[in-house]
Each structure stands twice: as C-alpha cells, then as structure tokens.
N, C-alpha and C. Protein backbone atom coordinates (compact mmCIF):
# COMPACT_ATOMS: atom_id res chain seq x y z
N MET A 1 78.79 123.55 -11.10
CA MET A 1 79.63 124.09 -10.05
C MET A 1 80.18 125.47 -10.45
N ALA A 2 80.39 125.70 -11.74
CA ALA A 2 80.93 126.98 -12.18
C ALA A 2 79.92 128.10 -11.98
N GLY A 3 78.63 127.78 -11.92
CA GLY A 3 77.61 128.80 -11.71
C GLY A 3 77.72 129.47 -10.36
N ILE A 4 78.12 128.71 -9.35
CA ILE A 4 78.28 129.29 -8.01
C ILE A 4 79.41 130.31 -8.02
N GLY A 5 80.53 129.97 -8.65
CA GLY A 5 81.67 130.86 -8.67
C GLY A 5 81.42 132.14 -9.43
N GLY A 6 80.66 132.06 -10.51
CA GLY A 6 80.42 133.24 -11.33
C GLY A 6 79.51 134.26 -10.68
N LYS A 7 78.54 133.80 -9.89
CA LYS A 7 77.55 134.71 -9.32
C LYS A 7 78.06 135.42 -8.07
N LEU A 8 78.88 134.77 -7.30
CA LEU A 8 79.28 135.33 -6.01
C LEU A 8 80.70 135.89 -5.99
N GLY A 9 81.38 135.91 -7.11
CA GLY A 9 82.71 136.47 -7.16
C GLY A 9 83.74 135.57 -6.50
N ILE A 10 84.65 136.19 -5.78
CA ILE A 10 85.76 135.45 -5.19
C ILE A 10 85.30 134.48 -4.10
N PHE A 11 84.26 134.85 -3.36
CA PHE A 11 83.76 133.95 -2.33
C PHE A 11 83.10 132.72 -2.94
N GLY A 12 82.44 132.91 -4.05
CA GLY A 12 81.85 131.78 -4.76
C GLY A 12 82.91 130.87 -5.34
N GLU A 13 83.97 131.48 -5.86
CA GLU A 13 85.08 130.67 -6.38
C GLU A 13 85.71 129.85 -5.26
N LEU A 14 85.87 130.46 -4.10
CA LEU A 14 86.45 129.75 -2.96
C LEU A 14 85.54 128.62 -2.51
N LEU A 15 84.26 128.87 -2.46
CA LEU A 15 83.30 127.84 -2.08
C LEU A 15 83.30 126.71 -3.10
N ALA A 16 83.35 127.04 -4.37
CA ALA A 16 83.39 126.02 -5.42
C ALA A 16 84.66 125.19 -5.31
N PHE A 17 85.78 125.84 -5.00
CA PHE A 17 87.03 125.12 -4.82
C PHE A 17 86.94 124.15 -3.65
N LEU A 18 86.40 124.63 -2.52
CA LEU A 18 86.28 123.77 -1.35
C LEU A 18 85.37 122.58 -1.62
N MET A 19 84.29 122.81 -2.35
CA MET A 19 83.36 121.72 -2.63
C MET A 19 83.96 120.73 -3.63
N HIS A 20 84.63 121.24 -4.63
CA HIS A 20 85.17 120.38 -5.68
C HIS A 20 86.37 119.56 -5.18
N ARG A 21 87.27 120.20 -4.46
CA ARG A 21 88.49 119.53 -4.01
C ARG A 21 88.36 118.85 -2.65
N LYS A 22 87.21 119.03 -2.01
CA LYS A 22 86.95 118.44 -0.68
C LYS A 22 88.00 118.88 0.34
N LYS A 23 88.28 120.15 0.36
CA LYS A 23 89.26 120.74 1.29
C LYS A 23 88.53 121.43 2.44
N TRP A 24 87.67 120.68 3.12
CA TRP A 24 86.85 121.27 4.18
C TRP A 24 87.65 121.70 5.39
N TRP A 25 88.88 121.20 5.55
CA TRP A 25 89.69 121.61 6.69
C TRP A 25 90.15 123.06 6.54
N LEU A 26 90.05 123.63 5.35
CA LEU A 26 90.41 125.03 5.15
C LEU A 26 89.32 125.99 5.64
N ALA A 27 88.09 125.53 5.72
CA ALA A 27 86.97 126.40 6.08
C ALA A 27 87.14 127.05 7.46
N PRO A 28 87.49 126.33 8.53
CA PRO A 28 87.65 127.00 9.83
C PRO A 28 88.77 128.04 9.83
N ILE A 29 89.83 127.77 9.09
CA ILE A 29 90.94 128.72 9.01
C ILE A 29 90.47 130.00 8.33
N LEU A 30 89.74 129.85 7.24
CA LEU A 30 89.25 131.02 6.51
C LEU A 30 88.23 131.81 7.32
N ILE A 31 87.37 131.11 8.04
CA ILE A 31 86.38 131.79 8.88
C ILE A 31 87.08 132.58 9.98
N LEU A 32 88.10 131.99 10.59
CA LEU A 32 88.85 132.68 11.63
C LEU A 32 89.56 133.92 11.08
N LEU A 33 90.13 133.82 9.91
CA LEU A 33 90.80 134.97 9.29
C LEU A 33 89.81 136.09 8.99
N VAL A 34 88.62 135.73 8.51
CA VAL A 34 87.60 136.74 8.22
C VAL A 34 87.14 137.41 9.51
N LEU A 35 86.92 136.65 10.56
CA LEU A 35 86.48 137.23 11.83
C LEU A 35 87.54 138.14 12.43
N LEU A 36 88.80 137.73 12.38
CA LEU A 36 89.86 138.59 12.90
C LEU A 36 90.00 139.87 12.09
N SER A 37 89.87 139.77 10.78
CA SER A 37 89.97 140.98 9.97
C SER A 37 88.80 141.92 10.22
N LEU A 38 87.60 141.36 10.42
CA LEU A 38 86.45 142.21 10.77
C LEU A 38 86.65 142.89 12.12
N LEU A 39 87.21 142.17 13.07
CA LEU A 39 87.49 142.75 14.38
C LEU A 39 88.45 143.91 14.27
N ILE A 40 89.48 143.75 13.47
CA ILE A 40 90.46 144.83 13.31
C ILE A 40 89.85 146.02 12.60
N VAL A 41 89.07 145.79 11.56
CA VAL A 41 88.47 146.89 10.81
C VAL A 41 87.44 147.64 11.65
N LEU A 42 86.61 146.91 12.39
CA LEU A 42 85.55 147.55 13.15
C LEU A 42 86.06 148.30 14.38
N THR A 43 87.17 147.90 14.95
CA THR A 43 87.68 148.56 16.15
C THR A 43 88.83 149.52 15.84
N GLU A 44 89.07 149.77 14.58
CA GLU A 44 90.21 150.61 14.20
C GLU A 44 90.10 152.03 14.75
N GLY A 45 88.95 152.61 14.67
CA GLY A 45 88.82 154.01 15.08
C GLY A 45 88.12 154.20 16.41
N SER A 46 87.99 153.17 17.19
CA SER A 46 87.23 153.31 18.43
C SER A 46 88.16 153.39 19.64
N ALA A 47 87.55 153.63 20.79
CA ALA A 47 88.31 153.71 22.03
C ALA A 47 88.70 152.33 22.54
N VAL A 48 88.15 151.29 21.93
CA VAL A 48 88.45 149.92 22.35
C VAL A 48 89.76 149.42 21.74
N ALA A 49 90.28 150.10 20.75
CA ALA A 49 91.46 149.65 20.02
C ALA A 49 92.66 149.33 20.91
N PRO A 50 93.01 150.15 21.91
CA PRO A 50 94.16 149.78 22.74
C PRO A 50 93.98 148.46 23.49
N PHE A 51 92.75 148.12 23.82
CA PHE A 51 92.50 146.88 24.53
C PHE A 51 92.53 145.68 23.59
N ILE A 52 92.16 145.89 22.33
CA ILE A 52 92.21 144.81 21.34
C ILE A 52 93.66 144.45 21.06
N TYR A 53 94.54 145.44 21.00
CA TYR A 53 95.94 145.17 20.69
C TYR A 53 96.61 144.32 21.74
N THR A 54 96.13 144.35 22.97
CA THR A 54 96.73 143.53 24.01
C THR A 54 96.43 142.04 23.80
N LEU A 55 95.40 141.73 23.01
CA LEU A 55 95.10 140.32 22.73
C LEU A 55 96.11 139.70 21.79
N PHE A 56 96.77 140.52 21.00
CA PHE A 56 97.73 140.00 20.03
C PHE A 56 99.11 140.26 20.56
C-alpha cells in the first residue's frame, strides 16, 4: 500500500488512506472540492466569471 503513496505524491497518499481506513464516504466530498476549485481557477480570467459568482 505504501508504494501507491510514494509514486503519486499527495494524491497517492490520500488514495492509500482511503483504501486502508475504508473512508469511502470522503471520496465524493473530495471530488466535489476538486471540481469546484477547477471551476474557479479556469473561469478566473474569463468573461464568464461574473456569472459564476452568482452561483455562490
């Protein structure tokens, strides 16, 4: 299990933690956080940004 964490960095460590501790309920929360952060980063400099802010 330690081989997964060493090769992929922090994401591998997180995956190893989820597999070892059986904390699968954390996976949807983490996926949602990653998607929201990607949305914010990708629309930061575009003309769509004012419309994205209305969602929050």
